[in-house]
C-alpha atoms as a PDB file:
ATOM      1  CA  MET A   1       9.073  -1.034  -9.241  1.00  0.00           C
ATOM      2  CA  LYS A   2       6.591   0.001 -11.884  1.00  0.00           C
ATOM      3  CA  LEU A   3       5.445   3.557 -12.449  1.00  0.00           C
ATOM      4  CA  ILE A   4       1.684   4.085 -12.572  1.00  0.00           C
ATOM      5  CA  THR A   5      -0.543   7.126 -12.877  1.00  0.00           C
ATOM      6  CA  VAL A   6      -3.536   7.550 -10.594  1.00  0.00           C
ATOM      7  CA  HIS A   7      -6.176  10.203 -10.219  1.00  0.00           C
ATOM      8  CA  ILE A   8      -7.146  10.885  -6.608  1.00  0.00           C
ATOM      9  CA  PRO A   9      -9.476  13.412  -5.023  1.00  0.00           C
ATOM     10  CA  GLU A  10      -7.837  16.655  -4.006  1.00  0.00           C
ATOM     11  CA  ALA A  11      -8.843  16.019  -0.383  1.00  0.00           C
ATOM     12  CA  TYR A  12      -6.757  12.809  -0.392  1.00  0.00           C
ATOM     13  CA  LEU A  13      -3.781  14.672  -1.808  1.00  0.00           C
ATOM     14  CA  ASP A  14      -4.153  17.391   0.832  1.00  0.00           C
ATOM     15  CA  ALA A  15      -4.195  14.727   3.562  1.00  0.00           C
ATOM     16  CA  ILE A  16      -1.092  13.037   2.127  1.00  0.00           C
ATOM     17  CA  ASN A  17       0.672  16.398   1.997  1.00  0.00           C
ATOM     18  CA  GLN A  18      -0.211  16.968   5.661  1.00  0.00           C
ATOM     19  CA  LEU A  19       1.390  13.635   6.567  1.00  0.00           C
ATOM     20  CA  ILE A  20       4.528  14.592   4.656  1.00  0.00           C
ATOM     21  CA  ALA A  21       4.639  18.012   6.344  1.00  0.00           C
ATOM     22  CA  ALA A  22       4.374  16.239   9.714  1.00  0.00           C
ATOM     23  CA  ASP A  23       7.355  14.041   8.721  1.00  0.00           C
ATOM     24  CA  ALA A  24       5.214  10.892   8.857  1.00  0.00           C
ATOM     25  CA  TYR A  25       6.471   9.972   5.360  1.00  0.00           C
ATOM     26  CA  PRO A  26       9.356  11.293   3.281  1.00  0.00           C
ATOM     27  CA  ASN A  27       7.265  11.799   0.118  1.00  0.00           C
ATOM     28  CA  ARG A  28       3.943  11.091  -1.586  1.00  0.00           C
ATOM     29  CA  SER A  29       5.162   7.924  -3.247  1.00  0.00           C
ATOM     30  CA  GLU A  30       6.134   6.330   0.046  1.00  0.00           C
ATOM     31  CA  ALA A  31       2.859   7.307   1.711  1.00  0.00           C
ATOM     32  CA  ILE A  32       0.885   5.796  -1.160  1.00  0.00           C
ATOM     33  CA  ARG A  33       3.038   2.616  -1.212  1.00  0.00           C
ATOM     34  CA  VAL A  34       2.403   2.097   2.511  1.00  0.00           C
ATOM     35  CA  ALA A  35      -1.330   2.712   2.051  1.00  0.00           C
ATOM     36  CA  ILE A  36      -1.525   0.179  -0.787  1.00  0.00           C
ATOM     37  CA  ARG A  37       0.528  -2.376   1.148  1.00  0.00           C
ATOM     38  CA  ASP A  38      -1.742  -2.012   4.184  1.00  0.00           C
ATOM     39  CA  LEU A  39      -4.861  -2.290   2.019  1.00  0.00           C
ATOM     40  CA  LEU A  40      -3.563  -5.494   0.445  1.00  0.00           C
ATOM     41  CA  LYS A  41      -2.657  -6.937   3.833  1.00  0.00           C
ATOM     42  CA  ASN A  42      -6.142  -6.212   5.175  1.00  0.00           C
ATOM     43  CA  GLU A  43      -8.114  -7.222   2.109  1.00  0.00           C
ATOM     44  CA  LEU A  44      -6.024 -10.139   0.835  1.00  0.00           C
ATOM     45  CA  GLY A  45      -4.301 -11.336   4.000  1.00  0.00           C
ATOM     46  CA  GLY A  46      -6.460 -14.376   4.559  1.00  0.00           C
ATOM     47  CA  PHE A  47      -6.498 -15.213   0.868  1.00  0.00           C
ATOM     48  CA  ILE A  48      -2.716 -14.937   0.627  1.00  0.00           C
ATOM     49  CA  LYS A  49      -2.169 -17.216   3.626  1.00  0.00           C
ATOM     50  CA  TYR A  50      -4.616 -19.774   2.195  1.00  0.00           C
ATOM     51  CA  SER A  51      -3.015 -19.633  -1.262  1.00  0.00           C
ATOM     52  CA  GLN A  52       0.520 -19.969   0.076  1.00  0.00           C
ATOM     53  CA  GLU A  53      -0.498 -23.037   2.033  1.00  0.00           C
ATOM     54  CA  ARG A  54      -1.588 -24.446  -1.305  1.00  0.00           C
ATOM     55  CA  SER A  55       1.774 -23.424  -2.916  1.00  0.00           C
ATOM     56  CA  ALA A  56       0.332 -20.695  -5.140  1.00  0.00           C
ATOM     57  CA  LYS A  57       2.813 -18.115  -6.416  1.00  0.00           C
ATOM     58  CA  ILE A  58       1.455 -15.052  -4.630  1.00  0.00           C
ATOM     59  CA  PRO A  59       3.877 -12.559  -3.013  1.00  0.00           C
ATOM     60  CA  ASN A  60       3.893 -12.670   0.768  1.00  0.00           C
ATOM     61  CA  LEU A  61       2.786  -9.159   1.733  1.00  0.00           C
ATOM     62  CA  MET A  62       2.368 -10.205   5.344  1.00  0.00           C
ATOM     63  CA  GLU A  63       6.136 -10.090   5.946  1.00  0.00           C
ATOM     64  CA  GLU A  64       6.603  -6.400   5.090  1.00  0.00           C
END
């Protein structure tokens, strides 16, 4: 995994902290990873399926 730095609104951070306090996620990193994975599935899902049918080297996020 790569380490990146992001700036997010304080309201987003507060919401993530609430999810962690409710034991929905073990930590901020995991909550953000899941959010990014879900975004990519929703936004790129059709594109990924199309590209994989054409043998493009794009990771299959649909399996996670």
